[in-house]
Amino acid sequence: MDDQVTVASSGSAAAAGRSAGGSSGRPVGPLDDIDRRIVAELAADGRLSIRTLAERVHVSRTNAYARLERLVADGVITGFHAAVDPERAGLGTSAYVSMTVQQNSWREVSAGLREIPFIDHFALVGADYDVLALVRAPDNSTLRDVVLDRIQSVPGVLSTRTWLVFEEVPGRGTPWAKG
């Protein structure tokens, strides 16, 4: 099981979650090259010791520790977690669900969606619909329940559209380190 760092960038689900009330309130400046290398190393292996991290980014352990603490405090690194294969963990049915919502209902809709099990993440988007959610369920019956009974009963949700996921392929990821 690989631990990874959840790294927030503008537009990410983690950043969206912080904007809903979890932000430290401090502006975060752009990352320098060392910070980007730290983020890249931890995104590849979140279990690195401070000593190994410092060696890989060519700084002292004290500097690596201070930078890591700052990246966490600033909300750039939002947590350490295990990368889980949903299918092998029993969630073999995945779908993207788009939602059209009533104007000015985002706060209520997002609060309602947060309470629904099997929603992996969701985002407010600029498209022909307003919200896009990834739902991971154990089977089609559960997916049906999540979409037709739970999501559609959230106050402010006007309509939904569902796309089944047949196969997922990881992308290259975010290039945190230049070069």
C-alpha atoms as a PDB file:
ATOM      1  CA  MET A   1       0.000   0.000   0.000  1.00  0.00           C
ATOM      2  CA  ASP A   2       1.543   3.325  -1.082  1.00  0.00           C
ATOM      3  CA  ASP A   3       1.026   6.450   0.997  1.00  0.00           C
ATOM      4  CA  GLN A   4       0.807   9.656  -0.946  1.00  0.00           C
ATOM      5  CA  VAL A   5       0.470  13.328  -0.201  1.00  0.00           C
ATOM      6  CA  THR A   6      -2.699  15.077  -1.221  1.00  0.00           C
ATOM      7  CA  VAL A   7      -1.452  18.279  -2.770  1.00  0.00           C
ATOM      8  CA  ALA A   8      -3.892  21.099  -3.350  1.00  0.00           C
ATOM      9  CA  SER A   9      -3.634  23.333  -6.370  1.00  0.00           C
ATOM     10  CA  SER A  10      -6.031  25.982  -7.555  1.00  0.00           C
ATOM     11  CA  GLY A  11      -9.056  24.266  -8.994  1.00  0.00           C
ATOM     12  CA  SER A  12      -8.553  20.968  -7.178  1.00  0.00           C
ATOM     13  CA  ALA A  13     -11.157  19.292  -5.031  1.00  0.00           C
ATOM     14  CA  ALA A  14      -8.949  19.751  -1.994  1.00  0.00           C
ATOM     15  CA  ALA A  15      -8.641  23.470  -2.685  1.00  0.00           C
ATOM     16  CA  ALA A  16     -12.402  23.696  -3.138  1.00  0.00           C
ATOM     17  CA  GLY A  17     -12.898  21.987   0.229  1.00  0.00           C
ATOM     18  CA  ARG A  18     -10.599  24.472   1.935  1.00  0.00           C
ATOM     19  CA  SER A  19     -12.417  27.435   0.395  1.00  0.00           C
ATOM     20  CA  ALA A  20     -15.590  26.185   2.066  1.00  0.00           C
ATOM     21  CA  GLY A  21     -14.144  27.044   5.451  1.00  0.00           C
ATOM     22  CA  GLY A  22     -10.925  25.122   6.042  1.00  0.00           C
ATOM     23  CA  SER A  23      -8.453  27.747   4.876  1.00  0.00           C
ATOM     24  CA  SER A  24      -5.915  29.268   7.213  1.00  0.00           C
ATOM     25  CA  GLY A  25      -6.826  32.664   5.773  1.00  0.00           C
ATOM     26  CA  ARG A  26      -3.204  33.394   4.868  1.00  0.00           C
ATOM     27  CA  PRO A  27      -2.271  33.991   1.262  1.00  0.00           C
ATOM     28  CA  VAL A  28       0.117  31.372  -0.092  1.00  0.00           C
ATOM     29  CA  GLY A  29       2.794  32.566  -2.484  1.00  0.00           C
ATOM     30  CA  PRO A  30       4.132  30.565  -5.391  1.00  0.00           C
ATOM     31  CA  LEU A  31       6.264  27.543  -4.550  1.00  0.00           C
ATOM     32  CA  ASP A  32       9.997  27.856  -5.116  1.00  0.00           C
ATOM     33  CA  ASP A  33      12.037  25.082  -6.762  1.00  0.00           C
ATOM     34  CA  ILE A  34      12.865  23.365  -3.449  1.00  0.00           C
ATOM     35  CA  ASP A  35       9.218  23.413  -2.338  1.00  0.00           C
ATOM     36  CA  ARG A  36       8.152  21.920  -5.693  1.00  0.00           C
ATOM     37  CA  ARG A  37      10.784  19.176  -5.345  1.00  0.00           C
ATOM     38  CA  ILE A  38       9.578  18.423  -1.804  1.00  0.00           C
ATOM     39  CA  VAL A  39       5.992  18.167  -3.021  1.00  0.00           C
ATOM     40  CA  ALA A  40       7.050  15.957  -5.953  1.00  0.00           C
ATOM     41  CA  GLU A  41       9.038  13.605  -3.704  1.00  0.00           C
ATOM     42  CA  LEU A  42       6.210  13.291  -1.184  1.00  0.00           C
ATOM     43  CA  ALA A  43       3.578  12.851  -3.899  1.00  0.00           C
ATOM     44  CA  ALA A  44       5.648   9.910  -5.177  1.00  0.00           C
ATOM     45  CA  ASP A  45       6.232   8.455  -1.681  1.00  0.00           C
ATOM     46  CA  GLY A  46       4.460  10.047   1.275  1.00  0.00           C
ATOM     47  CA  ARG A  47       6.328   7.772   3.695  1.00  0.00           C
ATOM     48  CA  LEU A  48       9.744   9.340   3.122  1.00  0.00           C
ATOM     49  CA  SER A  49      11.655  10.177   6.269  1.00  0.00           C
ATOM     50  CA  ILE A  50      12.765  13.782   6.723  1.00  0.00           C
ATOM     51  CA  ARG A  51      16.360  12.608   6.365  1.00  0.00           C
ATOM     52  CA  THR A  52      15.719  10.930   2.986  1.00  0.00           C
ATOM     53  CA  LEU A  53      13.613  13.868   1.821  1.00  0.00           C
ATOM     54  CA  ALA A  54      16.380  16.322   2.734  1.00  0.00           C
ATOM     55  CA  GLU A  55      18.961  14.227   0.892  1.00  0.00           C
ATOM     56  CA  ARG A  56      16.822  13.999  -2.235  1.00  0.00           C
ATOM     57  CA  VAL A  57      16.139  17.747  -2.435  1.00  0.00           C
ATOM     58  CA  HIS A  58      19.674  18.695  -1.288  1.00  0.00           C
ATOM     59  CA  VAL A  59      18.835  20.691   1.855  1.00  0.00           C
ATOM     60  CA  SER A  60      19.507  20.176   5.554  1.00  0.00           C
ATOM     61  CA  ARG A  61      17.090  18.111   7.624  1.00  0.00           C
ATOM     62  CA  THR A  62      16.165  21.235   9.582  1.00  0.00           C
ATOM     63  CA  ASN A  63      15.368  23.095   6.355  1.00  0.00           C
ATOM     64  CA  ALA A  64      13.359  20.146   4.979  1.00  0.00           C
ATOM     65  CA  TYR A  65      11.379  19.856   8.213  1.00  0.00           C
ATOM     66  CA  ALA A  66      10.664  23.604   8.354  1.00  0.00           C
ATOM     67  CA  ARG A  67       9.575  23.667   4.716  1.00  0.00           C
ATOM     68  CA  LEU A  68       7.345  20.621   5.173  1.00  0.00           C
ATOM     69  CA  GLU A  69       5.718  22.157   8.243  1.00  0.00           C
ATOM     70  CA  ARG A  70       5.119  25.409   6.310  1.00  0.00           C
ATOM     71  CA  LEU A  71       3.653  23.540   3.309  1.00  0.00           C
ATOM     72  CA  VAL A  72       1.259  21.740   5.658  1.00  0.00           C
ATOM     73  CA  ALA A  73       0.386  24.902   7.624  1.00  0.00           C
ATOM     74  CA  ASP A  74      -0.239  26.829   4.393  1.00  0.00           C
ATOM     75  CA  GLY A  75      -2.570  24.113   3.120  1.00  0.00           C
ATOM     76  CA  VAL A  76      -0.408  23.214   0.138  1.00  0.00           C
ATOM     77  CA  ILE A  77      -0.052  19.674   1.490  1.00  0.00           C
ATOM     78  CA  THR A  78      -3.471  18.762   2.820  1.00  0.00           C
ATOM     79  CA  GLY A  79      -2.760  15.305   4.188  1.00  0.00           C
ATOM     80  CA  PHE A  80      -1.086  11.945   3.843  1.00  0.00           C
ATOM     81  CA  HIS A  81      -3.141   8.974   2.721  1.00  0.00           C
ATOM     82  CA  ALA A  82      -3.038   5.529   1.225  1.00  0.00           C
ATOM     83  CA  ALA A  83      -3.734   5.198  -2.502  1.00  0.00           C
ATOM     84  CA  VAL A  84      -6.544   2.632  -2.684  1.00  0.00           C
ATOM     85  CA  ASP A  85      -7.677   0.712  -5.761  1.00  0.00           C
ATOM     86  CA  PRO A  86     -11.475   1.159  -5.545  1.00  0.00           C
ATOM     87  CA  GLU A  87     -12.304  -1.982  -7.526  1.00  0.00           C
ATOM     88  CA  ARG A  88     -10.085  -4.221  -5.371  1.00  0.00           C
ATOM     89  CA  ALA A  89     -11.600  -2.582  -2.287  1.00  0.00           C
ATOM     90  CA  GLY A  90     -15.100  -3.640  -3.376  1.00  0.00           C
ATOM     91  CA  LEU A  91     -16.240  -0.509  -5.233  1.00  0.00           C
ATOM     92  CA  GLY A  92     -16.370  -1.931  -8.750  1.00  0.00           C
ATOM     93  CA  THR A  93     -18.986   0.425 -10.227  1.00  0.00           C
ATOM     94  CA  SER A  94     -17.944   4.007 -10.943  1.00  0.00           C
ATOM     95  CA  ALA A  95     -19.833   6.813 -12.633  1.00  0.00           C
ATOM     96  CA  TYR A  96     -19.577  10.530 -13.190  1.00  0.00           C
ATOM     97  CA  VAL A  97     -22.791  12.309 -12.291  1.00  0.00           C
ATOM     98  CA  SER A  98     -23.454  15.813 -13.540  1.00  0.00           C
ATOM     99  CA  MET A  99     -26.008  17.982 -11.792  1.00  0.00           C
ATOM    100  CA  THR A 100     -27.884  21.103 -12.697  1.00  0.00           C
ATOM    101  CA  VAL A 101     -28.653  23.083  -9.556  1.00  0.00           C
ATOM    102  CA  GLN A 102     -30.778  26.075  -8.639  1.00  0.00           C
ATOM    103  CA  GLN A 103     -29.004  29.398  -8.888  1.00  0.00           C
ATOM    104  CA  ASN A 104     -27.347  30.431  -5.592  1.00  0.00           C
ATOM    105  CA  SER A 105     -27.793  26.971  -4.022  1.00  0.00           C
ATOM    106  CA  TRP A 106     -24.133  25.797  -4.141  1.00  0.00           C
ATOM    107  CA  ARG A 107     -23.566  25.956  -0.367  1.00  0.00           C
ATOM    108  CA  GLU A 108     -26.682  23.915   0.398  1.00  0.00           C
ATOM    109  CA  VAL A 109     -26.035  21.454  -2.436  1.00  0.00           C
ATOM    110  CA  SER A 110     -22.401  20.930  -1.431  1.00  0.00           C
ATOM    111  CA  ALA A 111     -23.423  20.408   2.208  1.00  0.00           C
ATOM    112  CA  GLY A 112     -25.982  17.807   1.128  1.00  0.00           C
ATOM    113  CA  LEU A 113     -23.583  16.008  -1.213  1.00  0.00           C
ATOM    114  CA  ARG A 114     -20.929  15.772   1.535  1.00  0.00           C
ATOM    115  CA  GLU A 115     -23.325  13.598   3.542  1.00  0.00           C
ATOM    116  CA  ILE A 116     -23.936  11.021   0.795  1.00  0.00           C
ATOM    117  CA  PRO A 117     -21.865   7.833   0.993  1.00  0.00           C
ATOM    118  CA  PHE A 118     -20.026   6.639  -2.129  1.00  0.00           C
ATOM    119  CA  ILE A 119     -19.421  10.134  -3.549  1.00  0.00           C
ATOM    120  CA  ASP A 120     -15.640  10.164  -4.028  1.00  0.00           C
ATOM    121  CA  HIS A 121     -15.456  13.869  -4.837  1.00  0.00           C
ATOM    122  CA  PHE A 122     -17.454  16.625  -6.490  1.00  0.00           C
ATOM    123  CA  ALA A 123     -16.776  20.044  -7.961  1.00  0.00           C
ATOM    124  CA  LEU A 124     -18.595  23.178  -9.011  1.00  0.00           C
ATOM    125  CA  VAL A 125     -17.823  23.524 -12.723  1.00  0.00           C
ATOM    126  CA  GLY A 126     -18.389  25.918 -15.595  1.00  0.00           C
ATOM    127  CA  ALA A 127     -20.154  23.808 -18.216  1.00  0.00           C
ATOM    128  CA  ASP A 128     -23.607  22.861 -19.479  1.00  0.00           C
ATOM    129  CA  TYR A 129     -24.197  21.597 -15.931  1.00  0.00           C
ATOM    130  CA  ASP A 130     -23.150  22.999 -12.560  1.00  0.00           C
ATOM    131  CA  VAL A 131     -21.695  20.154 -10.487  1.00  0.00           C
ATOM    132  CA  LEU A 132     -19.723  17.052 -11.441  1.00  0.00           C
ATOM    133  CA  ALA A 133     -19.348  14.167  -8.973  1.00  0.00           C
ATOM    134  CA  LEU A 134     -17.468  10.883  -9.092  1.00  0.00           C
ATOM    135  CA  VAL A 135     -19.480   8.111  -7.461  1.00  0.00           C
ATOM    136  CA  ARG A 136     -17.851   4.767  -6.578  1.00  0.00           C
ATOM    137  CA  ALA A 137     -20.282   2.072  -5.506  1.00  0.00           C
ATOM    138  CA  PRO A 138     -20.134  -1.685  -4.941  1.00  0.00           C
ATOM    139  CA  ASP A 139     -22.748  -2.430  -7.627  1.00  0.00           C
ATOM    140  CA  ASN A 140     -25.304  -0.928 -10.028  1.00  0.00           C
ATOM    141  CA  SER A 141     -28.117  -1.164  -7.481  1.00  0.00           C
ATOM    142  CA  THR A 142     -26.199   0.969  -4.996  1.00  0.00           C
ATOM    143  CA  LEU A 143     -25.256   3.426  -7.749  1.00  0.00           C
ATOM    144  CA  ARG A 144     -28.931   3.702  -8.669  1.00  0.00           C
ATOM    145  CA  ASP A 145     -29.819   4.419  -5.027  1.00  0.00           C
ATOM    146  CA  VAL A 146     -27.112   7.067  -4.727  1.00  0.00           C
ATOM    147  CA  VAL A 147     -28.186   8.892  -7.898  1.00  0.00           C
ATOM    148  CA  LEU A 148     -31.967   8.498  -7.957  1.00  0.00           C
ATOM    149  CA  ASP A 149     -32.757   8.514  -4.244  1.00  0.00           C
ATOM    150  CA  ARG A 150     -29.984  10.453  -2.554  1.00  0.00           C
ATOM    151  CA  ILE A 151     -28.468  12.968  -4.992  1.00  0.00           C
ATOM    152  CA  GLN A 152     -31.801  13.863  -6.584  1.00  0.00           C
ATOM    153  CA  SER A 153     -33.325  14.466  -3.146  1.00  0.00           C
ATOM    154  CA  VAL A 154     -30.696  17.070  -2.193  1.00  0.00           C
ATOM    155  CA  PRO A 155     -32.440  20.454  -2.000  1.00  0.00           C
ATOM    156  CA  GLY A 156     -31.317  22.585  -4.934  1.00  0.00           C
ATOM    157  CA  VAL A 157     -30.525  19.715  -7.325  1.00  0.00           C
ATOM    158  CA  LEU A 158     -32.782  20.129 -10.369  1.00  0.00           C
ATOM    159  CA  SER A 159     -31.528  17.306 -12.612  1.00  0.00           C
ATOM    160  CA  THR A 160     -28.774  14.725 -12.994  1.00  0.00           C
ATOM    161  CA  ARG A 161     -27.070  12.905 -15.833  1.00  0.00           C
ATOM    162  CA  THR A 162     -24.933   9.788 -15.270  1.00  0.00           C
ATOM    163  CA  TRP A 163     -21.982   8.411 -17.250  1.00  0.00           C
ATOM    164  CA  LEU A 164     -20.727   4.925 -16.342  1.00  0.00           C
ATOM    165  CA  VAL A 165     -16.956   4.488 -16.169  1.00  0.00           C
ATOM    166  CA  PHE A 166     -15.804   1.375 -18.013  1.00  0.00           C
ATOM    167  CA  GLU A 167     -12.062   1.815 -17.479  1.00  0.00           C
ATOM    168  CA  GLU A 168      -9.826   4.293 -15.674  1.00  0.00           C
ATOM    169  CA  VAL A 169      -6.296   5.117 -16.737  1.00  0.00           C
ATOM    170  CA  PRO A 170      -4.047   7.292 -14.573  1.00  0.00           C
ATOM    171  CA  GLY A 171      -2.581  10.372 -16.191  1.00  0.00           C
ATOM    172  CA  ARG A 172       0.943  11.665 -15.799  1.00  0.00           C
ATOM    173  CA  GLY A 173      -0.112  13.721 -12.800  1.00  0.00           C
ATOM    174  CA  THR A 174       0.879  17.253 -11.926  1.00  0.00           C
ATOM    175  CA  PRO A 175       4.492  18.114 -12.680  1.00  0.00           C
ATOM    176  CA  TRP A 176       5.366  19.617  -9.293  1.00  0.00           C
ATOM    177  CA  ALA A 177       9.077  19.686 -10.020  1.00  0.00           C
ATOM    178  CA  LYS A 178      10.240  21.599 -13.071  1.00  0.00           C
ATOM    179  CA  GLY A 179      12.399  19.778 -15.567  1.00  0.00           C
END
